[in-house]
């Protein structure tokens, strides 16, 4: 083997990570004060509901609100505050059987709004 053959067979792990595509999504979370089912205490709660496609920052607000209301109806006894909905912009990449999520907490792409029940 020559030196040129050895150098071409070595691949940097950093360059391997850059070759896989990433998917942009909104991670849906809610924050509220209330009583969960099977509990007695009124406490502050934060729940993660899942994710939806990012679509360049466009989302259907009514479908997000209906998803949140369905979650609250099945998991909460009582809600004693407004419900704050967090749509956090995340980048998800999957390579070699591992999934990594990049979240920027102070990004301008994150969306927050409140609803009342």
Protein backbone atom coordinates (compact mmCIF):
# COMPACT_ATOMS: atom_id res chain seq x y z
CA UNK A 1 0.00 0.00 0.00
CA UNK A 2 1.14 3.45 -0.74
CA UNK A 3 0.70 6.49 1.47
CA UNK A 4 -1.94 7.93 -0.89
CA UNK A 5 -4.08 4.78 -0.56
CA UNK A 6 -3.96 4.92 3.24
CA UNK A 7 -4.92 8.61 3.39
CA UNK A 8 -7.96 8.19 1.14
CA UNK A 9 -9.35 5.33 3.24
CA UNK A 10 -9.38 7.39 6.45
CA UNK A 11 -12.63 9.33 6.84
CA UNK A 12 -13.16 11.97 9.47
CA UNK A 13 -16.13 11.35 11.81
CA UNK A 14 -17.01 15.05 11.58
CA UNK A 15 -17.37 14.94 7.80
CA UNK A 16 -19.58 11.83 8.15
CA UNK A 17 -22.01 13.72 10.40
CA UNK A 18 -22.40 16.55 7.91
CA UNK A 19 -23.54 14.22 5.11
CA UNK A 20 -26.85 13.20 6.73
CA UNK A 21 -29.87 15.47 6.20
CA UNK A 22 -31.61 17.15 9.11
CA UNK A 23 -35.35 17.68 9.48
CA UNK A 24 -36.77 20.89 10.95
CA UNK A 25 -39.80 20.56 13.24
CA UNK A 26 -41.77 22.36 15.90
CA UNK A 27 -41.67 20.58 19.27
CA UNK A 28 -45.01 21.15 21.04
CA UNK A 29 -44.93 21.70 24.81
CA UNK A 30 -47.46 23.16 27.23
CA UNK A 31 -47.10 24.82 30.60
CA UNK A 32 -49.93 25.16 33.12
CA UNK A 33 -50.95 25.08 36.77
CA UNK A 34 -53.47 22.45 37.77
CA UNK A 35 -54.23 19.01 39.18
CA UNK A 36 -53.27 15.92 37.18
CA UNK A 37 -55.53 12.88 37.21
CA UNK A 38 -54.78 10.55 40.15
CA UNK A 39 -53.21 13.48 42.06
CA UNK A 40 -54.52 15.85 44.72
CA UNK A 41 -52.06 18.76 44.62
CA UNK A 42 -52.36 21.88 42.55
CA UNK A 43 -48.90 22.17 40.92
CA UNK A 44 -47.07 23.75 37.99
CA UNK A 45 -46.67 21.28 35.10
CA UNK A 46 -44.77 21.18 31.81
CA UNK A 47 -45.72 18.52 29.24
CA UNK A 48 -44.20 17.65 25.86
CA UNK A 49 -46.86 16.56 23.38
CA UNK A 50 -44.88 15.72 20.26
CA UNK A 51 -43.84 17.53 17.12
CA UNK A 52 -45.19 18.89 13.85
CA UNK A 53 -43.49 19.87 10.61
CA UNK A 54 -41.80 23.28 10.59
CA UNK A 55 -42.88 24.32 7.04
CA UNK A 56 -40.84 27.55 7.06
CA UNK A 57 -42.49 28.68 10.29
CA UNK A 58 -46.08 28.10 9.16
CA UNK A 59 -48.42 26.01 11.32
CA UNK A 60 -52.14 25.49 11.76
CA UNK A 61 -52.95 27.17 15.07
CA UNK A 62 -56.41 25.58 15.36
CA UNK A 63 -55.04 22.04 15.02
CA UNK A 64 -52.38 22.75 17.67
CA UNK A 65 -55.04 24.11 20.05
CA UNK A 66 -57.30 21.09 19.48
CA UNK A 67 -54.34 18.75 20.17
CA UNK A 68 -53.59 20.60 23.42
CA UNK A 69 -57.24 20.56 24.53
CA UNK A 70 -57.51 16.82 23.84
CA UNK A 71 -54.37 16.20 25.91
CA UNK A 72 -55.67 18.30 28.79
CA UNK A 73 -59.08 16.58 28.73
CA UNK A 74 -57.48 13.15 29.06
CA UNK A 75 -54.68 13.96 31.54
CA UNK A 76 -55.87 16.77 33.83
CA UNK A 77 -58.56 16.94 36.51
CA UNK A 78 -58.50 20.69 36.88
CA UNK A 79 -56.65 23.59 35.26
CA UNK A 80 -56.22 26.74 37.35
CA UNK A 81 -54.27 28.99 34.98
CA UNK A 82 -53.93 29.96 31.38
CA UNK A 83 -52.25 27.37 29.19
CA UNK A 84 -49.02 28.52 27.57
CA UNK A 85 -48.17 26.70 24.34
CA UNK A 86 -44.52 26.48 23.28
CA UNK A 87 -43.65 25.68 19.68
CA UNK A 88 -39.87 25.24 19.76
CA UNK A 89 -37.91 25.04 16.52
CA UNK A 90 -35.68 21.93 16.57
CA UNK A 91 -33.44 20.23 14.04
CA UNK A 92 -33.56 16.43 14.17
CA UNK A 93 -30.96 14.25 12.50
CA UNK A 94 -30.72 10.47 12.47
CA UNK A 95 -27.52 8.70 11.59
CA UNK A 96 -26.16 5.27 12.33
CA UNK A 97 -29.13 4.37 14.53
CA UNK A 98 -28.86 7.45 16.75
CA UNK A 99 -31.20 10.43 16.76
CA UNK A 100 -29.93 13.83 17.85
CA UNK A 101 -32.02 16.93 18.44
CA UNK A 102 -30.65 20.46 18.27
CA UNK A 103 -32.74 23.02 20.13
CA UNK A 104 -31.86 26.70 20.39
CA UNK A 105 -33.80 28.08 23.38
CA UNK A 106 -33.43 31.75 22.38
CA UNK A 107 -34.09 31.37 18.66
CA UNK A 108 -36.35 33.83 16.84
CA UNK A 109 -38.08 30.84 15.22
CA UNK A 110 -39.67 29.71 18.53
CA UNK A 111 -43.34 30.60 19.00
CA UNK A 112 -45.25 31.14 22.29
CA UNK A 113 -48.95 31.87 22.78
CA UNK A 114 -51.58 31.46 25.51
CA UNK A 115 -55.06 29.95 25.48
CA UNK A 116 -57.80 29.79 28.10
CA UNK A 117 -60.03 26.79 28.61
